[in-house]
C-alpha atoms as a PDB file:
ATOM      1  CA  MET A   1      43.874-207.227  16.814  1.00  0.00           C
ATOM      2  CA  ASN A   2      41.337-207.970  19.395  1.00  0.00           C
ATOM      3  CA  SER A   3      38.839-205.666  17.693  1.00  0.00           C
ATOM      4  CA  PHE A   4      38.910-208.089  14.707  1.00  0.00           C
ATOM      5  CA  ARG A   5      38.744-211.130  16.802  1.00  0.00           C
ATOM      6  CA  TYR A   6      35.570-209.857  18.772  1.00  0.00           C
ATOM      7  CA  GLY A   7      33.939-208.202  15.718  1.00  0.00           C
ATOM      8  CA  LEU A   8      34.637-204.543  17.078  1.00  0.00           C
ATOM      9  CA  PRO A   9      35.342-201.773  14.814  1.00  0.00           C
ATOM     10  CA  LEU A  10      38.985-201.385  13.900  1.00  0.00           C
ATOM     11  CA  PRO A  11      40.713-198.406  15.893  1.00  0.00           C
ATOM     12  CA  VAL A  12      42.165-196.720  12.965  1.00  0.00           C
ATOM     13  CA  ARG A  13      40.175-195.551   9.765  1.00  0.00           C
ATOM     14  CA  SER A  14      42.183-195.853   6.538  1.00  0.00           C
ATOM     15  CA  GLN A  15      41.978-197.484   3.238  1.00  0.00           C
ATOM     16  CA  ILE A  16      43.432-200.798   4.547  1.00  0.00           C
ATOM     17  CA  ALA A  17      40.963-200.520   7.482  1.00  0.00           C
ATOM     18  CA  ASP A  18      38.084-200.152   5.107  1.00  0.00           C
ATOM     19  CA  GLU A  19      39.215-203.144   3.138  1.00  0.00           C
ATOM     20  CA  ILE A  20      39.394-205.213   6.218  1.00  0.00           C
ATOM     21  CA  GLU A  21      36.001-204.290   7.250  1.00  0.00           C
ATOM     22  CA  TYR A  22      34.614-205.081   3.740  1.00  0.00           C
ATOM     23  CA  PHE A  23      36.215-208.543   4.004  1.00  0.00           C
ATOM     24  CA  ARG A  24      34.962-209.134   7.383  1.00  0.00           C
ATOM     25  CA  SER A  25      31.440-208.303   6.408  1.00  0.00           C
ATOM     26  CA  TYR A  26      31.690-210.502   3.283  1.00  0.00           C
ATOM     27  CA  TYR A  27      33.342-213.455   4.928  1.00  0.00           C
ATOM     28  CA  GLU A  28      31.437-213.660   8.199  1.00  0.00           C
ATOM     29  CA  ASN A  29      33.664-216.292   9.863  1.00  0.00           C
ATOM     30  CA  LEU A  30      36.977-214.737   8.597  1.00  0.00           C
ATOM     31  CA  HIS A  31      39.601-214.655  11.337  1.00  0.00           C
ATOM     32  CA  PRO A  32      43.348-213.865  11.243  1.00  0.00           C
ATOM     33  CA  THR A  33      45.729-216.788  10.925  1.00  0.00           C
ATOM     34  CA  VAL A  34      48.920-215.088   9.957  1.00  0.00           C
ATOM     35  CA  PHE A  35      50.536-211.643  10.288  1.00  0.00           C
ATOM     36  CA  LEU A  36      52.705-210.512   7.555  1.00  0.00           C
ATOM     37  CA  SER A  37      54.924-207.447   7.697  1.00  0.00           C
ATOM     38  CA  TYR A  38      57.543-205.878   5.496  1.00  0.00           C
ATOM     39  CA  GLU A  39      59.407-202.853   4.704  1.00  0.00           C
ATOM     40  CA  ARG A  40      58.674-201.491   1.448  1.00  0.00           C
ATOM     41  CA  GLU A  41      60.030-198.682  -1.059  1.00  0.00           C
ATOM     42  CA  ALA A  42      57.740-197.999  -3.946  1.00  0.00           C
ATOM     43  CA  PHE A  43      58.637-196.077  -7.057  1.00  0.00           C
ATOM     44  CA  TYR A  44      56.162-194.888  -9.896  1.00  0.00           C
ATOM     45  CA  ALA A  45      56.340-193.154 -13.194  1.00  0.00           C
ATOM     46  CA  LEU A  46      56.131-189.326 -12.974  1.00  0.00           C
ATOM     47  CA  ASP A  47      54.465-189.289 -16.363  1.00  0.00           C
ATOM     48  CA  GLY A  48      51.168-190.472 -14.918  1.00  0.00           C
ATOM     49  CA  GLY A  49      51.409-193.924 -16.249  1.00  0.00           C
ATOM     50  CA  ASP A  50      50.657-196.901 -14.178  1.00  0.00           C
ATOM     51  CA  PHE A  51      54.200-198.259 -14.073  1.00  0.00           C
ATOM     52  CA  ARG A  52      55.437-199.076 -10.595  1.00  0.00           C
ATOM     53  CA  VAL A  53      58.254-200.907  -8.967  1.00  0.00           C
ATOM     54  CA  THR A  54      58.284-202.033  -5.339  1.00  0.00           C
ATOM     55  CA  PHE A  55      61.035-203.368  -3.172  1.00  0.00           C
ATOM     56  CA  ASP A  56      60.201-205.508  -0.084  1.00  0.00           C
ATOM     57  CA  GLU A  57      62.787-206.379   2.669  1.00  0.00           C
ATOM     58  CA  ASN A  58      62.552-207.608   6.081  1.00  0.00           C
ATOM     59  CA  ILE A  59      59.439-209.834   5.200  1.00  0.00           C
ATOM     60  CA  LEU A  60      58.329-211.556   8.444  1.00  0.00           C
ATOM     61  CA  TYR A  61      55.422-213.728   9.488  1.00  0.00           C
ATOM     62  CA  ARG A  62      53.900-214.918  12.708  1.00  0.00           C
ATOM     63  CA  LYS A  63      51.095-217.110  13.740  1.00  0.00           C
ATOM     64  CA  TYR A  64      50.050-215.043  16.854  1.00  0.00           C
ATOM     65  CA  ASP A  65      49.875-211.408  18.042  1.00  0.00           C
ATOM     66  CA  PHE A  66      47.965-209.906  15.206  1.00  0.00           C
ATOM     67  CA  SER A  67      48.117-206.283  16.521  1.00  0.00           C
ATOM     68  CA  LEU A  68      48.999-203.637  14.143  1.00  0.00           C
ATOM     69  CA  ALA A  69      50.266-201.686  16.960  1.00  0.00           C
ATOM     70  CA  GLY A  70      52.727-204.039  18.176  1.00  0.00           C
ATOM     71  CA  LYS A  71      56.518-204.398  17.635  1.00  0.00           C
ATOM     72  CA  VAL A  72      57.899-205.770  14.190  1.00  0.00           C
ATOM     73  CA  TYR A  73      59.195-209.286  14.696  1.00  0.00           C
ATOM     74  CA  GLY A  74      58.460-212.750  13.370  1.00  0.00           C
ATOM     75  CA  THR A  75      60.158-215.414  11.183  1.00  0.00           C
ATOM     76  CA  PRO A  76      61.872-214.215   8.074  1.00  0.00           C
ATOM     77  CA  LEU A  77      60.681-215.242   4.701  1.00  0.00           C
ATOM     78  CA  LEU A  78      63.867-214.406   2.862  1.00  0.00           C
ATOM     79  CA  LYS A  79      67.518-215.051   3.436  1.00  0.00           C
ATOM     80  CA  LYS A  80      69.511-212.136   4.835  1.00  0.00           C
ATOM     81  CA  GLY A  81      70.335-209.508   2.192  1.00  0.00           C
ATOM     82  CA  GLU A  82      67.613-210.730  -0.133  1.00  0.00           C
ATOM     83  CA  THR A  83      65.074-208.221  -1.478  1.00  0.00           C
ATOM     84  CA  LEU A  84      61.686-208.903  -3.352  1.00  0.00           C
ATOM     85  CA  MET A  85      61.130-206.685  -6.406  1.00  0.00           C
ATOM     86  CA  GLU A  86      57.794-206.308  -7.962  1.00  0.00           C
ATOM     87  CA  ILE A  87      56.912-204.724 -11.136  1.00  0.00           C
ATOM     88  CA  LYS A  88      53.393-203.555 -11.547  1.00  0.00           C
ATOM     89  CA  THR A  89      51.817-202.422 -14.723  1.00  0.00           C
ATOM     90  CA  ALA A  90      48.612-202.804 -16.641  1.00  0.00           C
ATOM     91  CA  GLY A  91      50.163-202.308 -19.977  1.00  0.00           C
ATOM     92  CA  GLY A  92      53.542-203.434 -21.361  1.00  0.00           C
ATOM     93  CA  LEU A  93      56.922-203.180 -19.647  1.00  0.00           C
ATOM     94  CA  PRO A  94      58.805-199.972 -20.748  1.00  0.00           C
ATOM     95  CA  LEU A  95      61.489-200.964 -23.137  1.00  0.00           C
ATOM     96  CA  TRP A  96      64.353-199.354 -21.077  1.00  0.00           C
ATOM     97  CA  MET A  97      63.193-201.618 -18.133  1.00  0.00           C
ATOM     98  CA  SER A  98      63.105-204.620 -20.212  1.00  0.00           C
ATOM     99  CA  HIS A  99      66.549-204.041 -21.523  1.00  0.00           C
ATOM    100  CA  GLU A 100      67.806-203.552 -17.841  1.00  0.00           C
ATOM    101  CA  LEU A 101      66.417-206.714 -16.553  1.00  0.00           C
ATOM    102  CA  ASN A 102      67.595-208.760 -19.565  1.00  0.00           C
ATOM    103  CA  ARG A 103      71.011-207.205 -19.084  1.00  0.00           C
ATOM    104  CA  LEU A 104      71.054-208.282 -15.361  1.00  0.00           C
ATOM    105  CA  ARG A 105      69.403-211.562 -16.199  1.00  0.00           C
ATOM    106  CA  VAL A 106      66.488-210.927 -14.016  1.00  0.00           C
ATOM    107  CA  TYR A 107      63.447-213.100 -15.103  1.00  0.00           C
ATOM    108  CA  ARG A 108      59.875-213.260 -14.279  1.00  0.00           C
ATOM    109  CA  THR A 109      58.662-215.440 -11.496  1.00  0.00           C
ATOM    110  CA  SER A 110      55.696-215.822  -9.332  1.00  0.00           C
ATOM    111  CA  PHE A 111      55.937-215.206  -5.575  1.00  0.00           C
ATOM    112  CA  SER A 112      53.474-215.049  -2.740  1.00  0.00           C
ATOM    113  CA  LYS A 113      54.456-213.632   0.554  1.00  0.00           C
ATOM    114  CA  TYR A 114      51.235-215.391   2.212  1.00  0.00           C
ATOM    115  CA  GLY A 115      51.878-218.613   0.243  1.00  0.00           C
ATOM    116  CA  LEU A 116      55.512-218.854   1.362  1.00  0.00           C
ATOM    117  CA  ALA A 117      54.490-218.148   4.896  1.00  0.00           C
ATOM    118  CA  TYR A 118      51.732-220.811   4.663  1.00  0.00           C
ATOM    119  CA  GLN A 119      54.447-223.378   3.491  1.00  0.00           C
ATOM    120  CA  HIS A 120      56.727-222.378   6.264  1.00  0.00           C
ATOM    121  CA  MET A 121      53.927-222.941   8.738  1.00  0.00           C
ATOM    122  CA  MET A 122      52.971-226.372   7.393  1.00  0.00           C
ATOM    123  CA  THR A 123      56.748-227.502   7.305  1.00  0.00           C
ATOM    124  CA  ASN A 124      57.165-226.390  10.801  1.00  0.00           C
ATOM    125  CA  THR A 125      53.852-227.925  11.988  1.00  0.00           C
ATOM    126  CA  SER A 126      54.797-231.115  10.258  1.00  0.00           C
ATOM    127  CA  MET A 127      58.130-231.149  11.864  1.00  0.00           C
ATOM    128  CA  GLU A 128      56.829-230.390  15.414  1.00  0.00           C
ATOM    129  CA  ASN A 129      54.237-233.296  14.940  1.00  0.00           C
ATOM    130  CA  SER A 130      57.186-235.594  13.813  1.00  0.00           C
ATOM    131  CA  ARG A 131      59.195-234.495  17.039  1.00  0.00           C
ATOM    132  CA  ARG A 132      56.201-235.320  19.167  1.00  0.00           C
ATOM    133  CA  ILE A 133      55.585-238.747  17.608  1.00  0.00           C
ATOM    134  CA  LEU A 134      59.341-239.669  17.948  1.00  0.00           C
ATOM    135  CA  HIS A 135      59.569-238.429  21.558  1.00  0.00           C
ATOM    136  CA  VAL A 136      56.384-240.412  22.490  1.00  0.00           C
ATOM    137  CA  CYS A 137      57.477-243.795  20.696  1.00  0.00           C
END
């Protein structure tokens, strides 16, 4: 993502590119520190409501190579076979969904892909520093 690093316009025009450009102008010293990628399946209500369910898999992060055009690789945030389900709605949860979640014993929790990647990076940095200290002593 050299265009980002050097203040050049992004090569692709899209909603996400526009959002990135807005943040870049608002936070002048903003620079990338982590790259997150994931495979998402999104489902939404056909009745025009705002109810939506997304499933994210293969959630990966890396601290370098921020190119959007590169290959998909990085350190996984979830264990093999795990999937993140996110339910989005401005109003209440539909009753049928509430019943299904209760039946399956699926309960609300908070989760941040970026926050977990940050924790992983801090843990790995701390472990690397400990190894260096142990090696030097």
